[in-house]
Amino acid sequence: MRGMNRKSLAVVVLGSLSLTGVSLAMGGPERMGKRHPELMQKYDANKNGQLEDGEREAMREELKKLREEKVAKYDTNKDGKLDEAERKALREERVAERFKALDTNGNGTLSLEEFKAGMGERGRGGRHGRH
């Protein structure tokens, strides 16, 4: 397989990005820390492997700030929320950024090797550690 067509790639990448957002929102901070060890490392100030109330609050505040920045960037009608067209623009930018990161040789297509390498960055066997 020489490369994936853009529509198929968009579905795969968008799905993986969407699922990452959902997994952050589900299961509480400790479960999220198991799925996203980089977040646990960042917010677990006392390095005890758990998020205490203050650490959890710091994470929530930063995530809230990031969300507000996203809304401000994509909220073209300035109503304080993202409508479908604004969310679509956000998704399209994310997909383009992810594609650019996966396309390591910059030729505008993804080889199977580039795709596999990019999926490996998400963790062993994908987002849940399955093979």
N, C-alpha and C. Protein backbone atom coordinates (compact mmCIF):
# COMPACT_ATOMS: atom_id res chain seq x y z
N MET A 1 0.85 -1.17 0.00
CA MET A 1 0.00 0.00 0.00
C MET A 1 0.89 1.23 0.00
N ARG A 2 0.81 1.99 -1.03
CA ARG A 2 1.69 3.15 -1.18
C ARG A 2 1.27 4.31 -0.29
N GLY A 3 0.02 4.59 -0.17
CA GLY A 3 -0.46 5.68 0.67
C GLY A 3 -1.95 5.56 0.88
N MET A 4 -2.45 6.28 1.85
CA MET A 4 -3.88 6.25 2.13
C MET A 4 -4.52 7.42 1.43
N ASN A 5 -5.77 7.25 0.98
CA ASN A 5 -6.43 8.41 0.40
C ASN A 5 -6.82 9.36 1.52
N ARG A 6 -6.99 10.60 1.20
CA ARG A 6 -7.21 11.64 2.21
C ARG A 6 -8.48 11.42 3.03
N LYS A 7 -9.53 10.96 2.42
CA LYS A 7 -10.78 10.76 3.15
C LYS A 7 -10.61 9.65 4.20
N SER A 8 -10.00 8.55 3.82
CA SER A 8 -9.77 7.46 4.77
C SER A 8 -8.87 7.92 5.90
N LEU A 9 -7.83 8.64 5.54
CA LEU A 9 -6.91 9.13 6.56
C LEU A 9 -7.62 10.08 7.52
N ALA A 10 -8.42 10.97 6.98
CA ALA A 10 -9.13 11.92 7.83
C ALA A 10 -10.02 11.20 8.83
N VAL A 11 -10.69 10.15 8.39
CA VAL A 11 -11.56 9.39 9.29
C VAL A 11 -10.74 8.75 10.40
N VAL A 12 -9.62 8.14 10.04
CA VAL A 12 -8.78 7.47 11.03
C VAL A 12 -8.21 8.47 12.03
N VAL A 13 -7.63 9.53 11.53
CA VAL A 13 -6.99 10.51 12.40
C VAL A 13 -8.02 11.23 13.25
N LEU A 14 -9.10 11.68 12.65
CA LEU A 14 -10.13 12.38 13.40
C LEU A 14 -10.72 11.48 14.48
N GLY A 15 -10.92 10.23 14.15
CA GLY A 15 -11.42 9.29 15.16
C GLY A 15 -10.47 9.14 16.32
N SER A 16 -9.18 9.03 16.02
CA SER A 16 -8.22 8.87 17.12
C SER A 16 -8.13 10.13 17.97
N LEU A 17 -8.22 11.30 17.34
CA LEU A 17 -8.20 12.54 18.11
C LEU A 17 -9.45 12.68 18.96
N SER A 18 -10.59 12.34 18.40
CA SER A 18 -11.84 12.43 19.16
C SER A 18 -11.83 11.50 20.35
N LEU A 19 -11.36 10.29 20.15
CA LEU A 19 -11.33 9.33 21.24
C LEU A 19 -10.38 9.75 22.34
N THR A 20 -9.29 10.42 21.97
CA THR A 20 -8.38 10.91 23.00
C THR A 20 -9.09 11.93 23.88
N GLY A 21 -9.83 12.83 23.27
CA GLY A 21 -10.58 13.82 24.05
C GLY A 21 -11.59 13.18 24.96
N VAL A 22 -12.29 12.17 24.46
CA VAL A 22 -13.28 11.48 25.27
C VAL A 22 -12.60 10.76 26.42
N SER A 23 -11.47 10.12 26.16
CA SER A 23 -10.81 9.38 27.24
C SER A 23 -10.31 10.31 28.33
N LEU A 24 -9.95 11.53 27.98
CA LEU A 24 -9.55 12.50 28.99
C LEU A 24 -10.72 12.87 29.89
N ALA A 25 -11.90 12.88 29.32
CA ALA A 25 -13.07 13.32 30.08
C ALA A 25 -13.69 12.21 30.91
N MET A 26 -13.36 10.96 30.63
CA MET A 26 -14.00 9.84 31.31
C MET A 26 -13.07 9.19 32.32
N GLY A 27 -13.64 8.67 33.38
CA GLY A 27 -12.91 7.78 34.25
C GLY A 27 -12.15 8.42 35.37
N GLY A 28 -12.16 9.69 35.53
CA GLY A 28 -11.48 10.34 36.62
C GLY A 28 -10.00 10.49 36.39
N PRO A 29 -9.35 11.33 37.19
CA PRO A 29 -7.94 11.64 37.00
C PRO A 29 -6.99 10.46 37.12
N GLU A 30 -7.23 9.52 38.06
CA GLU A 30 -6.31 8.41 38.20
C GLU A 30 -6.37 7.50 36.99
N ARG A 31 -7.58 7.21 36.52
CA ARG A 31 -7.73 6.38 35.32
C ARG A 31 -7.12 7.09 34.13
N MET A 32 -7.34 8.41 34.03
CA MET A 32 -6.76 9.19 32.95
C MET A 32 -5.24 9.13 33.03
N GLY A 33 -4.68 9.15 34.23
CA GLY A 33 -3.24 9.09 34.41
C GLY A 33 -2.64 7.79 33.90
N LYS A 34 -3.39 6.71 34.01
CA LYS A 34 -2.91 5.43 33.50
C LYS A 34 -2.89 5.44 31.98
N ARG A 35 -3.89 6.08 31.38
CA ARG A 35 -3.96 6.15 29.92
C ARG A 35 -3.03 7.21 29.35
N HIS A 36 -2.78 8.24 30.12
CA HIS A 36 -1.97 9.37 29.66
C HIS A 36 -0.90 9.68 30.71
N PRO A 37 0.13 8.83 30.78
CA PRO A 37 1.13 9.00 31.82
C PRO A 37 1.83 10.35 31.78
N GLU A 38 1.89 10.99 30.61
CA GLU A 38 2.52 12.31 30.53
C GLU A 38 1.75 13.34 31.35
N LEU A 39 0.43 13.20 31.43
CA LEU A 39 -0.36 14.12 32.25
C LEU A 39 -0.16 13.82 33.73
N MET A 40 -0.10 12.55 34.08
CA MET A 40 0.15 12.19 35.48
C MET A 40 1.51 12.73 35.90
N GLN A 41 2.51 12.56 35.07
CA GLN A 41 3.85 13.05 35.39
C GLN A 41 3.84 14.57 35.57
N LYS A 42 3.10 15.27 34.72
CA LYS A 42 3.07 16.73 34.78
C LYS A 42 2.38 17.23 36.04
N TYR A 43 1.26 16.61 36.43
CA TYR A 43 0.46 17.16 37.52
C TYR A 43 0.69 16.49 38.87
N ASP A 44 1.32 15.34 38.91
CA ASP A 44 1.58 14.66 40.16
C ASP A 44 2.81 15.28 40.83
N ALA A 45 2.62 16.44 41.44
CA ALA A 45 3.73 17.23 41.99
C ALA A 45 4.51 16.48 43.06
N ASN A 46 3.83 15.72 43.91
CA ASN A 46 4.53 15.01 44.98
C ASN A 46 5.00 13.61 44.55
N LYS A 47 4.76 13.25 43.30
CA LYS A 47 5.23 12.01 42.68
C LYS A 47 4.84 10.75 43.45
N ASN A 48 3.59 10.75 43.96
CA ASN A 48 3.12 9.56 44.67
C ASN A 48 2.26 8.65 43.79
N GLY A 49 2.15 8.98 42.52
CA GLY A 49 1.39 8.14 41.60
C GLY A 49 -0.10 8.38 41.61
N GLN A 50 -0.54 9.38 42.37
CA GLN A 50 -1.96 9.73 42.44
C GLN A 50 -2.09 11.24 42.35
N LEU A 51 -3.25 11.69 41.90
CA LEU A 51 -3.49 13.13 41.89
C LEU A 51 -4.28 13.51 43.13
N GLU A 52 -3.64 14.29 43.97
CA GLU A 52 -4.31 14.81 45.18
C GLU A 52 -5.25 15.93 44.74
N ASP A 53 -6.08 16.40 45.67
CA ASP A 53 -7.06 17.44 45.33
C ASP A 53 -6.42 18.66 44.68
N GLY A 54 -5.35 19.17 45.22
CA GLY A 54 -4.69 20.35 44.67
C GLY A 54 -4.11 20.10 43.29
N GLU A 55 -3.53 18.93 43.10
CA GLU A 55 -2.96 18.57 41.80
C GLU A 55 -4.07 18.41 40.76
N ARG A 56 -5.15 17.78 41.17
CA ARG A 56 -6.30 17.59 40.28
C ARG A 56 -6.88 18.95 39.89
N GLU A 57 -6.96 19.85 40.84
CA GLU A 57 -7.49 21.19 40.56
C GLU A 57 -6.58 21.94 39.59
N ALA A 58 -5.26 21.81 39.77
CA ALA A 58 -4.30 22.46 38.85
C ALA A 58 -4.49 21.93 37.44
N MET A 59 -4.70 20.64 37.29
CA MET A 59 -4.94 20.05 35.98
C MET A 59 -6.23 20.59 35.38
N ARG A 60 -7.28 20.61 36.18
CA ARG A 60 -8.57 21.12 35.69
C ARG A 60 -8.47 22.57 35.24
N GLU A 61 -7.76 23.37 36.02
CA GLU A 61 -7.60 24.79 35.67
C GLU A 61 -6.86 24.97 34.36
N GLU A 62 -5.80 24.18 34.17
CA GLU A 62 -5.06 24.30 32.91
C GLU A 62 -5.89 23.83 31.73
N LEU A 63 -6.61 22.72 31.90
CA LEU A 63 -7.47 22.23 30.83
C LEU A 63 -8.58 23.23 30.51
N LYS A 64 -9.12 23.88 31.54
CA LYS A 64 -10.13 24.91 31.34
C LYS A 64 -9.55 26.08 30.56
N LYS A 65 -8.35 26.49 30.92
CA LYS A 65 -7.68 27.58 30.21
C LYS A 65 -7.44 27.22 28.75
N LEU A 66 -6.98 25.99 28.50
CA LEU A 66 -6.75 25.55 27.12
C LEU A 66 -8.05 25.54 26.32
N ARG A 67 -9.14 25.10 26.96
CA ARG A 67 -10.43 25.10 26.28
C ARG A 67 -10.86 26.52 25.94
N GLU A 68 -10.69 27.43 26.89
CA GLU A 68 -11.06 28.82 26.65
C GLU A 68 -10.25 29.42 25.51
N GLU A 69 -8.97 29.07 25.43
CA GLU A 69 -8.13 29.55 24.33
C GLU A 69 -8.61 29.00 22.99
N LYS A 70 -9.00 27.72 22.97
CA LYS A 70 -9.52 27.12 21.74
C LYS A 70 -10.81 27.82 21.31
N VAL A 71 -11.70 28.04 22.27
CA VAL A 71 -12.96 28.72 21.94
C VAL A 71 -12.66 30.11 21.38
N ALA A 72 -11.77 30.83 22.04
CA ALA A 72 -11.44 32.18 21.58
C ALA A 72 -10.87 32.16 20.16
N LYS A 73 -10.05 31.16 19.87
CA LYS A 73 -9.41 31.08 18.54
C LYS A 73 -10.41 30.75 17.44
N TYR A 74 -11.34 29.84 17.70
CA TYR A 74 -12.24 29.34 16.66
C TYR A 74 -13.64 29.95 16.69
N ASP A 75 -13.97 30.69 17.72
CA ASP A 75 -15.30 31.28 17.87
C ASP A 75 -15.42 32.53 17.00
N THR A 76 -15.63 32.32 15.72
CA THR A 76 -15.62 33.44 14.77
C THR A 76 -16.80 34.40 14.96
N ASN A 77 -17.92 33.90 15.45
CA ASN A 77 -19.07 34.80 15.67
C ASN A 77 -19.10 35.38 17.08
N LYS A 78 -18.10 35.04 17.90
CA LYS A 78 -17.90 35.60 19.24
C LYS A 78 -19.11 35.45 20.16
N ASP A 79 -19.76 34.27 20.09
CA ASP A 79 -20.89 34.02 20.99
C ASP A 79 -20.49 33.21 22.22
N GLY A 80 -19.19 32.93 22.37
CA GLY A 80 -18.71 32.22 23.54
C GLY A 80 -18.77 30.71 23.47
N LYS A 81 -19.17 30.17 22.34
CA LYS A 81 -19.23 28.72 22.15
C LYS A 81 -18.92 28.40 20.69
N LEU A 82 -18.65 27.14 20.45
CA LEU A 82 -18.34 26.72 19.08
C LEU A 82 -19.55 26.07 18.44
N ASP A 83 -19.98 26.64 17.32
CA ASP A 83 -21.07 26.02 16.56
C ASP A 83 -20.46 24.94 15.66
N GLU A 84 -21.28 24.27 14.89
CA GLU A 84 -20.81 23.16 14.07
C GLU A 84 -19.72 23.59 13.08
N ALA A 85 -19.89 24.72 12.43
CA ALA A 85 -18.88 25.18 11.46
C ALA A 85 -17.55 25.49 12.15
N GLU A 86 -17.61 26.07 13.33
CA GLU A 86 -16.40 26.39 14.08
C GLU A 86 -15.70 25.12 14.58
N ARG A 87 -16.50 24.14 15.04
CA ARG A 87 -15.92 22.86 15.45
C ARG A 87 -15.29 22.15 14.26
N LYS A 88 -15.92 22.27 13.10
CA LYS A 88 -15.36 21.65 11.89
C LYS A 88 -14.00 22.27 11.57
N ALA A 89 -13.88 23.58 11.68
CA ALA A 89 -12.60 24.24 11.42
C ALA A 89 -11.53 23.75 12.40
N LEU A 90 -11.90 23.59 13.65
CA LEU A 90 -10.98 23.08 14.66
C LEU A 90 -10.53 21.67 14.30
N ARG A 91 -11.48 20.80 13.95
CA ARG A 91 -11.15 19.41 13.59
C ARG A 91 -10.25 19.36 12.37
N GLU A 92 -10.55 20.19 11.37
CA GLU A 92 -9.75 20.18 10.15
C GLU A 92 -8.31 20.61 10.43
N GLU A 93 -8.14 21.59 11.30
CA GLU A 93 -6.78 22.01 11.65
C GLU A 93 -6.05 20.91 12.40
N ARG A 94 -6.74 20.24 13.32
CA ARG A 94 -6.12 19.14 14.06
C ARG A 94 -5.70 18.02 13.12
N VAL A 95 -6.58 17.66 12.18
CA VAL A 95 -6.27 16.60 11.23
C VAL A 95 -5.06 16.99 10.39
N ALA A 96 -5.02 18.24 9.92
CA ALA A 96 -3.89 18.70 9.11
C ALA A 96 -2.59 18.65 9.91
N GLU A 97 -2.64 19.06 11.17
CA GLU A 97 -1.44 19.01 12.02
C GLU A 97 -0.98 17.59 12.25
N ARG A 98 -1.92 16.69 12.52
CA ARG A 98 -1.57 15.29 12.75
C ARG A 98 -1.00 14.66 11.49
N PHE A 99 -1.63 14.95 10.34
CA PHE A 99 -1.13 14.42 9.08
C PHE A 99 0.30 14.90 8.83
N LYS A 100 0.55 16.18 9.05
CA LYS A 100 1.89 16.74 8.84
C LYS A 100 2.91 16.04 9.74
N ALA A 101 2.52 15.77 10.99
CA ALA A 101 3.42 15.09 11.91
C ALA A 101 3.69 13.65 11.47
N LEU A 102 2.70 12.97 10.93
CA LEU A 102 2.86 11.59 10.49
C LEU A 102 3.65 11.49 9.18
N ASP A 103 3.49 12.48 8.31
CA ASP A 103 4.14 12.49 7.00
C ASP A 103 5.60 12.92 7.16
N THR A 104 6.42 12.02 7.68
CA THR A 104 7.78 12.38 8.06
C THR A 104 8.66 12.76 6.88
N ASN A 105 8.37 12.25 5.69
CA ASN A 105 9.18 12.64 4.54
C ASN A 105 8.60 13.83 3.79
N GLY A 106 7.46 14.33 4.23
CA GLY A 106 6.87 15.55 3.67
C GLY A 106 6.40 15.44 2.24
N ASN A 107 6.06 14.23 1.77
CA ASN A 107 5.64 14.09 0.38
C ASN A 107 4.14 14.21 0.17
N GLY A 108 3.38 14.46 1.22
CA GLY A 108 1.94 14.66 1.07
C GLY A 108 1.11 13.39 1.09
N THR A 109 1.75 12.24 1.26
CA THR A 109 1.02 10.98 1.41
C THR A 109 1.62 10.22 2.58
N LEU A 110 0.84 9.31 3.12
CA LEU A 110 1.34 8.48 4.22
C LEU A 110 1.60 7.08 3.72
N SER A 111 2.79 6.63 3.94
CA SER A 111 3.09 5.22 3.68
C SER A 111 2.60 4.42 4.87
N LEU A 112 2.51 3.13 4.69
CA LEU A 112 2.11 2.26 5.79
C LEU A 112 3.12 2.38 6.93
N GLU A 113 4.39 2.51 6.59
CA GLU A 113 5.43 2.64 7.61
C GLU A 113 5.25 3.92 8.43
N GLU A 114 4.96 5.04 7.75
CA GLU A 114 4.74 6.31 8.47
C GLU A 114 3.52 6.20 9.37
N PHE A 115 2.47 5.58 8.86
CA PHE A 115 1.25 5.43 9.64
C PHE A 115 1.50 4.58 10.88
N LYS A 116 2.18 3.44 10.71
CA LYS A 116 2.48 2.57 11.85
C LYS A 116 3.36 3.29 12.87
N ALA A 117 4.36 4.01 12.39
CA ALA A 117 5.24 4.75 13.30
C ALA A 117 4.45 5.79 14.07
N GLY A 118 3.55 6.48 13.41
CA GLY A 118 2.73 7.49 14.06
C GLY A 118 1.78 6.91 15.08
N MET A 119 1.22 5.76 14.79
CA MET A 119 0.32 5.11 15.74
C MET A 119 1.11 4.60 16.94
N GLY A 120 2.36 4.22 16.74
CA GLY A 120 3.20 3.77 17.84
C GLY A 120 3.46 4.87 18.85
N GLU A 121 3.44 6.14 18.40
CA GLU A 121 3.65 7.27 19.30
C GLU A 121 2.53 7.38 20.32
N ARG A 122 1.38 6.83 20.02
CA ARG A 122 0.21 6.95 20.89
C ARG A 122 0.27 5.95 22.04
N GLY A 123 1.25 5.12 22.07
CA GLY A 123 1.36 4.14 23.14
C GLY A 123 1.38 2.74 22.59
N ARG A 124 1.75 1.81 23.40
CA ARG A 124 1.87 0.43 22.98
C ARG A 124 0.53 -0.14 22.52
N GLY A 125 0.40 -0.36 21.24
CA GLY A 125 -0.81 -0.98 20.72
C GLY A 125 -2.00 -0.05 20.64
N GLY A 126 -1.82 1.23 20.77
CA GLY A 126 -2.94 2.15 20.68
C GLY A 126 -3.27 2.77 22.01
N ARG A 127 -4.41 3.40 22.09
CA ARG A 127 -4.73 4.19 23.26
C ARG A 127 -5.04 3.37 24.51
N HIS A 128 -5.37 2.09 24.35
CA HIS A 128 -5.66 1.27 25.52
C HIS A 128 -4.59 0.23 25.79
N GLY A 129 -3.49 0.29 25.05
CA GLY A 129 -2.41 -0.64 25.28
C GLY A 129 -2.67 -2.03 24.76
N ARG A 130 -3.67 -2.20 23.88
CA ARG A 130 -3.97 -3.50 23.31
C ARG A 130 -3.16 -3.69 22.03
N HIS A 131 -2.94 -4.93 21.67
CA HIS A 131 -2.24 -5.26 20.41
C HIS A 131 -3.23 -5.63 19.38
